[in-house]
Amino acid sequence: MAEIRRLDEKRMRKRKAPCPVCGKPLVPDFRPFCSERCKTIDLGRWLGGDYRIPTEEVPEEGELMDLISEQERED
């Protein structure tokens, strides 16, 4: 049984997952994406906070003051 499990694990490692943005097959030059476009879209999602993990944690007072100052500078 252990031998079968090892073979299945090897097969899973060899499989290539599709592009996480559009689902097309990967292109080695842009791995794990299929194109520069999908690579850029994913970067934009990261920078935009789309992959943020929600939390119930309350920011400390110093952090809140920094955020308020930053907001005021942007306005």
PDB file of N, CA and C in Angstrom:
ATOM      1  N   MET A   1       0.819  -1.208   0.000  1.00  0.00           N
ATOM      2  CA  MET A   1       0.000   0.000   0.000  1.00  0.00           C
ATOM      3  C   MET A   1       0.856   1.264   0.000  1.00  0.00           C
ATOM      4  N   ALA A   2       1.940   1.250   0.783  1.00  0.00           N
ATOM      5  CA  ALA A   2       2.808   2.419   0.863  1.00  0.00           C
ATOM      6  C   ALA A   2       3.436   2.716  -0.491  1.00  0.00           C
ATOM      7  N   GLU A   3       3.744   1.646  -1.247  1.00  0.00           N
ATOM      8  CA  GLU A   3       4.346   1.831  -2.564  1.00  0.00           C
ATOM      9  C   GLU A   3       3.363   2.504  -3.517  1.00  0.00           C
ATOM     10  N   ILE A   4       2.114   2.116  -3.463  1.00  0.00           N
ATOM     11  CA  ILE A   4       1.083   2.732  -4.306  1.00  0.00           C
ATOM     12  C   ILE A   4       0.923   4.205  -3.939  1.00  0.00           C
ATOM     13  N   ARG A   5       0.936   4.495  -2.651  1.00  0.00           N
ATOM     14  CA  ARG A   5       0.802   5.872  -2.191  1.00  0.00           C
ATOM     15  C   ARG A   5       1.957   6.729  -2.723  1.00  0.00           C
ATOM     16  N   ARG A   6       3.186   6.170  -2.684  1.00  0.00           N
ATOM     17  CA  ARG A   6       4.348   6.908  -3.193  1.00  0.00           C
ATOM     18  C   ARG A   6       4.227   7.169  -4.687  1.00  0.00           C
ATOM     19  N   LEU A   7       3.720   6.210  -5.437  1.00  0.00           N
ATOM     20  CA  LEU A   7       3.533   6.409  -6.882  1.00  0.00           C
ATOM     21  C   LEU A   7       2.515   7.511  -7.143  1.00  0.00           C
ATOM     22  N   ASP A   8       1.431   7.516  -6.386  1.00  0.00           N
ATOM     23  CA  ASP A   8       0.414   8.560  -6.540  1.00  0.00           C
ATOM     24  C   ASP A   8       0.985   9.932  -6.205  1.00  0.00           C
ATOM     25  N   GLU A   9       1.818  10.022  -5.171  1.00  0.00           N
ATOM     26  CA  GLU A   9       2.439  11.290  -4.799  1.00  0.00           C
ATOM     27  C   GLU A   9       3.368  11.783  -5.909  1.00  0.00           C
ATOM     28  N   LYS A  10       4.117  10.858  -6.528  1.00  0.00           N
ATOM     29  CA  LYS A  10       5.000  11.235  -7.632  1.00  0.00           C
ATOM     30  C   LYS A  10       4.188  11.774  -8.805  1.00  0.00           C
ATOM     31  N   ARG A  11       3.087  11.126  -9.120  1.00  0.00           N
ATOM     32  CA  ARG A  11       2.226  11.594 -10.217  1.00  0.00           C
ATOM     33  C   ARG A  11       1.684  12.982  -9.934  1.00  0.00           C
ATOM     34  N   MET A  12       1.277  13.217  -8.702  1.00  0.00           N
ATOM     35  CA  MET A  12       0.730  14.531  -8.334  1.00  0.00           C
ATOM     36  C   MET A  12       1.790  15.616  -8.491  1.00  0.00           C
ATOM     37  N   ARG A  13       3.037  15.321  -8.126  1.00  0.00           N
ATOM     38  CA  ARG A  13       4.115  16.304  -8.253  1.00  0.00           C
ATOM     39  C   ARG A  13       4.423  16.604  -9.705  1.00  0.00           C
ATOM     40  N   LYS A  14       4.291  15.600 -10.577  1.00  0.00           N
ATOM     41  CA  LYS A  14       4.591  15.794 -11.995  1.00  0.00           C
ATOM     42  C   LYS A  14       3.501  16.589 -12.708  1.00  0.00           C
ATOM     43  N   ARG A  15       2.284  16.515 -12.233  1.00  0.00           N
ATOM     44  CA  ARG A  15       1.190  17.260 -12.865  1.00  0.00           C
ATOM     45  C   ARG A  15       1.436  18.741 -12.743  1.00  0.00           C
ATOM     46  N   LYS A  16       1.121  19.436 -13.797  1.00  0.00           N
ATOM     47  CA  LYS A  16       1.282  20.879 -13.764  1.00  0.00           C
ATOM     48  C   LYS A  16      -0.094  21.510 -13.590  1.00  0.00           C
ATOM     49  N   ALA A  17      -0.210  22.337 -12.594  1.00  0.00           N
ATOM     50  CA  ALA A  17      -1.465  23.028 -12.334  1.00  0.00           C
ATOM     51  C   ALA A  17      -1.664  24.095 -13.405  1.00  0.00           C
ATOM     52  N   PRO A  18      -2.883  24.424 -13.717  1.00  0.00           N
ATOM     53  CA  PRO A  18      -3.133  25.479 -14.697  1.00  0.00           C
ATOM     54  C   PRO A  18      -2.809  26.855 -14.111  1.00  0.00           C
ATOM     55  N   CYS A  19      -2.773  27.846 -14.969  1.00  0.00           N
ATOM     56  CA  CYS A  19      -2.545  29.227 -14.549  1.00  0.00           C
ATOM     57  C   CYS A  19      -3.587  29.597 -13.492  1.00  0.00           C
ATOM     58  N   PRO A  20      -3.168  30.132 -12.349  1.00  0.00           N
ATOM     59  CA  PRO A  20      -4.121  30.455 -11.286  1.00  0.00           C
ATOM     60  C   PRO A  20      -5.047  31.621 -11.627  1.00  0.00           C
ATOM     61  N   VAL A  21      -4.734  32.381 -12.663  1.00  0.00           N
ATOM     62  CA  VAL A  21      -5.567  33.529 -13.026  1.00  0.00           C
ATOM     63  C   VAL A  21      -6.628  33.139 -14.045  1.00  0.00           C
ATOM     64  N   CYS A  22      -6.212  32.467 -15.139  1.00  0.00           N
ATOM     65  CA  CYS A  22      -7.165  32.190 -16.224  1.00  0.00           C
ATOM     66  C   CYS A  22      -7.430  30.710 -16.469  1.00  0.00           C
ATOM     67  N   GLY A  23      -6.594  29.828 -15.908  1.00  0.00           N
ATOM     68  CA  GLY A  23      -6.814  28.400 -16.068  1.00  0.00           C
ATOM     69  C   GLY A  23      -6.156  27.777 -17.293  1.00  0.00           C
ATOM     70  N   LYS A  24      -5.467  28.563 -18.106  1.00  0.00           N
ATOM     71  CA  LYS A  24      -4.777  28.027 -19.284  1.00  0.00           C
ATOM     72  C   LYS A  24      -3.525  27.259 -18.842  1.00  0.00           C
ATOM     73  N   PRO A  25      -2.964  26.445 -19.748  1.00  0.00           N
ATOM     74  CA  PRO A  25      -1.718  25.730 -19.402  1.00  0.00           C
ATOM     75  C   PRO A  25      -0.569  26.693 -19.137  1.00  0.00           C
ATOM     76  N   LEU A  26       0.353  26.266 -18.284  1.00  0.00           N
ATOM     77  CA  LEU A  26       1.495  27.101 -17.922  1.00  0.00           C
ATOM     78  C   LEU A  26       2.474  27.256 -19.082  1.00  0.00           C
ATOM     79  N   VAL A  27       3.210  28.357 -19.048  1.00  0.00           N
ATOM     80  CA  VAL A  27       4.314  28.587 -19.971  1.00  0.00           C
ATOM     81  C   VAL A  27       5.561  28.705 -19.091  1.00  0.00           C
ATOM     82  N   PRO A  28       6.587  27.887 -19.360  1.00  0.00           N
ATOM     83  CA  PRO A  28       7.761  27.876 -18.473  1.00  0.00           C
ATOM     84  C   PRO A  28       8.367  29.253 -18.177  1.00  0.00           C
ATOM     85  N   ASP A  29       8.371  30.151 -19.145  1.00  0.00           N
ATOM     86  CA  ASP A  29       8.955  31.483 -18.920  1.00  0.00           C
ATOM     87  C   ASP A  29       8.186  32.309 -17.898  1.00  0.00           C
ATOM     88  N   PHE A  30       6.897  32.009 -17.698  1.00  0.00           N
ATOM     89  CA  PHE A  30       6.053  32.806 -16.798  1.00  0.00           C
ATOM     90  C   PHE A  30       5.549  31.993 -15.610  1.00  0.00           C
ATOM     91  N   ARG A  31       6.091  30.805 -15.412  1.00  0.00           N
ATOM     92  CA  ARG A  31       5.628  29.914 -14.362  1.00  0.00           C
ATOM     93  C   ARG A  31       5.464  30.622 -13.033  1.00  0.00           C
ATOM     94  N   PRO A  32       4.412  30.513 -12.300  1.00  0.00           N
ATOM     95  CA  PRO A  32       3.293  29.581 -12.440  1.00  0.00           C
ATOM     96  C   PRO A  32       2.144  30.130 -13.282  1.00  0.00           C
ATOM     97  N   PHE A  33       2.411  31.132 -14.103  1.00  0.00           N
ATOM     98  CA  PHE A  33       1.364  31.730 -14.934  1.00  0.00           C
ATOM     99  C   PHE A  33       1.538  31.320 -16.392  1.00  0.00           C
ATOM    100  N   CYS A  34       0.596  31.732 -17.231  1.00  0.00           N
ATOM    101  CA  CYS A  34       0.674  31.390 -18.651  1.00  0.00           C
ATOM    102  C   CYS A  34       1.201  32.550 -19.489  1.00  0.00           C
ATOM    103  N   SER A  35       1.205  33.755 -18.918  1.00  0.00           N
ATOM    104  CA  SER A  35       1.625  34.924 -19.699  1.00  0.00           C
ATOM    105  C   SER A  35       2.023  36.072 -18.766  1.00  0.00           C
ATOM    106  N   GLU A  36       2.632  37.080 -19.364  1.00  0.00           N
ATOM    107  CA  GLU A  36       2.987  38.292 -18.617  1.00  0.00           C
ATOM    108  C   GLU A  36       1.718  38.966 -18.101  1.00  0.00           C
ATOM    109  N   ARG A  37       0.665  38.921 -18.903  1.00  0.00           N
ATOM    110  CA  ARG A  37      -0.616  39.534 -18.518  1.00  0.00           C
ATOM    111  C   ARG A  37      -1.139  38.939 -17.211  1.00  0.00           C
ATOM    112  N   CYS A  38      -1.186  37.610 -17.131  1.00  0.00           N
ATOM    113  CA  CYS A  38      -1.697  36.957 -15.915  1.00  0.00           C
ATOM    114  C   CYS A  38      -0.771  37.216 -14.729  1.00  0.00           C
ATOM    115  N   LYS A  39       0.522  37.285 -14.986  1.00  0.00           N
ATOM    116  CA  LYS A  39       1.491  37.592 -13.933  1.00  0.00           C
ATOM    117  C   LYS A  39       1.217  38.982 -13.359  1.00  0.00           C
ATOM    118  N   THR A  40       0.941  39.945 -14.239  1.00  0.00           N
ATOM    119  CA  THR A  40       0.669  41.319 -13.821  1.00  0.00           C
ATOM    120  C   THR A  40      -0.670  41.419 -13.098  1.00  0.00           C
ATOM    121  N   ILE A  41      -1.663  40.698 -13.574  1.00  0.00           N
ATOM    122  CA  ILE A  41      -2.974  40.694 -12.906  1.00  0.00           C
ATOM    123  C   ILE A  41      -2.828  40.186 -11.476  1.00  0.00           C
ATOM    124  N   ASP A  42      -2.073  39.106 -11.298  1.00  0.00           N
ATOM    125  CA  ASP A  42      -1.880  38.545  -9.969  1.00  0.00           C
ATOM    126  C   ASP A  42      -1.137  39.522  -9.056  1.00  0.00           C
ATOM    127  N   LEU A  43      -0.120  40.186  -9.579  1.00  0.00           N
ATOM    128  CA  LEU A  43       0.612  41.184  -8.798  1.00  0.00           C
ATOM    129  C   LEU A  43      -0.328  42.302  -8.348  1.00  0.00           C
ATOM    130  N   GLY A  44      -1.182  42.750  -9.253  1.00  0.00           N
ATOM    131  CA  GLY A  44      -2.161  43.785  -8.908  1.00  0.00           C
ATOM    132  C   GLY A  44      -3.104  43.333  -7.805  1.00  0.00           C
ATOM    133  N   ARG A  45      -3.487  42.072  -7.846  1.00  0.00           N
ATOM    134  CA  ARG A  45      -4.356  41.533  -6.787  1.00  0.00           C
ATOM    135  C   ARG A  45      -3.643  41.547  -5.441  1.00  0.00           C
ATOM    136  N   TRP A  46      -2.361  41.170  -5.438  1.00  0.00           N
ATOM    137  CA  TRP A  46      -1.585  41.198  -4.192  1.00  0.00           C
ATOM    138  C   TRP A  46      -1.477  42.612  -3.667  1.00  0.00           C
ATOM    139  N   LEU A  47      -1.107  43.533  -4.551  1.00  0.00           N
ATOM    140  CA  LEU A  47      -0.923  44.916  -4.118  1.00  0.00           C
ATOM    141  C   LEU A  47      -2.241  45.565  -3.698  1.00  0.00           C
ATOM    142  N   GLY A  48      -3.341  45.135  -4.295  1.00  0.00           N
ATOM    143  CA  GLY A  48      -4.652  45.676  -3.954  1.00  0.00           C
ATOM    144  C   GLY A  48      -5.261  45.069  -2.701  1.00  0.00           C
ATOM    145  N   GLY A  49      -4.614  44.064  -2.146  1.00  0.00           N
ATOM    146  CA  GLY A  49      -5.109  43.454  -0.913  1.00  0.00           C
ATOM    147  C   GLY A  49      -6.144  42.368  -1.133  1.00  0.00           C
ATOM    148  N   ASP A  50      -6.300  41.895  -2.372  1.00  0.00           N
ATOM    149  CA  ASP A  50      -7.293  40.857  -2.643  1.00  0.00           C
ATOM    150  C   ASP A  50      -6.996  39.541  -1.932  1.00  0.00           C
ATOM    151  N   TYR A  51      -5.732  39.283  -1.641  1.00  0.00           N
ATOM    152  CA  TYR A  51      -5.354  38.031  -0.992  1.00  0.00           C
ATOM    153  C   TYR A  51      -5.183  38.195   0.518  1.00  0.00           C
ATOM    154  N   ARG A  52      -5.650  39.307   1.045  1.00  0.00           N
ATOM    155  CA  ARG A  52      -5.528  39.595   2.473  1.00  0.00           C
ATOM    156  C   ARG A  52      -6.360  38.601   3.276  1.00  0.00           C
ATOM    157  N   ILE A  53      -5.845  38.207   4.400  1.00  0.00           N
ATOM    158  CA  ILE A  53      -6.566  37.299   5.289  1.00  0.00           C
ATOM    159  C   ILE A  53      -7.291  38.153   6.323  1.00  0.00           C
ATOM    160  N   PRO A  54      -8.629  38.087   6.360  1.00  0.00           N
ATOM    161  CA  PRO A  54      -9.375  38.888   7.330  1.00  0.00           C
ATOM    162  C   PRO A  54      -9.022  38.496   8.765  1.00  0.00           C
ATOM    163  N   THR A  55      -9.079  39.485   9.642  1.00  0.00           N
ATOM    164  CA  THR A  55      -8.754  39.232  11.045  1.00  0.00           C
ATOM    165  C   THR A  55      -9.668  40.056  11.938  1.00  0.00           C
ATOM    166  N   GLU A  56      -9.813  39.614  13.148  1.00  0.00           N
ATOM    167  CA  GLU A  56     -10.589  40.336  14.144  1.00  0.00           C
ATOM    168  C   GLU A  56      -9.669  41.175  15.025  1.00  0.00           C
ATOM    169  N   GLU A  57      -8.387  41.151  14.704  1.00  0.00           N
ATOM    170  CA  GLU A  57      -7.383  41.850  15.493  1.00  0.00           C
ATOM    171  C   GLU A  57      -7.591  43.372  15.389  1.00  0.00           C
ATOM    172  N   VAL A  58      -7.554  44.041  16.516  1.00  0.00           N
ATOM    173  CA  VAL A  58      -7.723  45.494  16.557  1.00  0.00           C
ATOM    174  C   VAL A  58      -6.343  46.153  16.493  1.00  0.00           C
ATOM    175  N   PRO A  59      -6.166  47.133  15.577  1.00  0.00           N
ATOM    176  CA  PRO A  59      -4.858  47.795  15.494  1.00  0.00           C
ATOM    177  C   PRO A  59      -4.542  48.560  16.775  1.00  0.00           C
ATOM    178  N   GLU A  60      -3.264  48.674  17.074  1.00  0.00           N
ATOM    179  CA  GLU A  60      -2.837  49.434  18.246  1.00  0.00           C
ATOM    180  C   GLU A  60      -2.999  50.925  17.956  1.00  0.00           C
ATOM    181  N   GLU A  61      -3.006  51.730  18.991  1.00  0.00           N
ATOM    182  CA  GLU A  61      -3.228  53.166  18.850  1.00  0.00           C
ATOM    183  C   GLU A  61      -2.206  53.810  17.906  1.00  0.00           C
ATOM    184  N   GLY A  62      -0.951  53.421  18.027  1.00  0.00           N
ATOM    185  CA  GLY A  62       0.090  53.970  17.159  1.00  0.00           C
ATOM    186  C   GLY A  62      -0.170  53.670  15.692  1.00  0.00           C
ATOM    187  N   GLU A  63      -0.628  52.454  15.412  1.00  0.00           N
ATOM    188  CA  GLU A  63      -0.954  52.078  14.038  1.00  0.00           C
ATOM    189  C   GLU A  63      -2.118  52.902  13.508  1.00  0.00           C
ATOM    190  N   LEU A  64      -3.118  53.122  14.361  1.00  0.00           N
ATOM    191  CA  LEU A  64      -4.276  53.926  13.953  1.00  0.00           C
ATOM    192  C   LEU A  64      -3.859  55.359  13.633  1.00  0.00           C
ATOM    193  N   MET A  65      -2.996  55.920  14.456  1.00  0.00           N
ATOM    194  CA  MET A  65      -2.527  57.285  14.219  1.00  0.00           C
ATOM    195  C   MET A  65      -1.758  57.367  12.902  1.00  0.00           C
ATOM    196  N   ASP A  66      -0.940  56.356  12.613  1.00  0.00           N
ATOM    197  CA  ASP A  66      -0.202  56.315  11.355  1.00  0.00           C
ATOM    198  C   ASP A  66      -1.157  56.246  10.163  1.00  0.00           C
ATOM    199  N   LEU A  67      -2.197  55.425  10.274  1.00  0.00           N
ATOM    200  CA  LEU A  67      -3.183  55.311   9.197  1.00  0.00           C
ATOM    201  C   LEU A  67      -3.918  56.623   8.973  1.00  0.00           C
ATOM    202  N   ILE A  68      -4.285  57.296  10.053  1.00  0.00           N
ATOM    203  CA  ILE A  68      -4.992  58.583   9.944  1.00  0.00           C
ATOM    204  C   ILE A  68      -4.084  59.616   9.290  1.00  0.00           C
ATOM    205  N   SER A  69      -2.830  59.665   9.692  1.00  0.00           N
ATOM    206  CA  SER A  69      -1.875  60.614   9.096  1.00  0.00           C
ATOM    207  C   SER A  69      -1.691  60.336   7.614  1.00  0.00           C
ATOM    208  N   GLU A  70      -1.612  59.070   7.264  1.00  0.00           N
ATOM    209  CA  GLU A  70      -1.441  58.675   5.860  1.00  0.00           C
ATOM    210  C   GLU A  70      -2.655  59.091   5.035  1.00  0.00           C
ATOM    211  N   GLN A  71      -3.844  58.879   5.587  1.00  0.00           N
ATOM    212  CA  GLN A  71      -5.086  59.261   4.893  1.00  0.00           C
ATOM    213  C   GLN A  71      -5.141  60.774   4.663  1.00  0.00           C
ATOM    214  N   GLU A  72      -4.746  61.526   5.687  1.00  0.00           N
ATOM    215  CA  GLU A  72      -4.772  62.988   5.587  1.00  0.00           C
ATOM    216  C   GLU A  72      -3.808  63.473   4.509  1.00  0.00           C
ATOM    217  N   ARG A  73      -2.644  62.829   4.398  1.00  0.00           N
ATOM    218  CA  ARG A  73      -1.673  63.216   3.369  1.00  0.00           C
ATOM    219  C   ARG A  73      -2.196  62.931   1.975  1.00  0.00           C
ATOM    220  N   GLU A  74      -2.962  61.845   1.827  1.00  0.00           N
ATOM    221  CA  GLU A  74      -3.510  61.475   0.518  1.00  0.00           C
ATOM    222  C   GLU A  74      -4.617  62.418   0.084  1.00  0.00           C
ATOM    223  N   ASP A  75      -5.365  62.968   1.046  1.00  0.00           N
ATOM    224  CA  ASP A  75      -6.487  63.877   0.715  1.00  0.00           C
ATOM    225  C   ASP A  75      -5.927  65.218   0.417  1.00  0.00           C
TER     226      ASP A  75
END
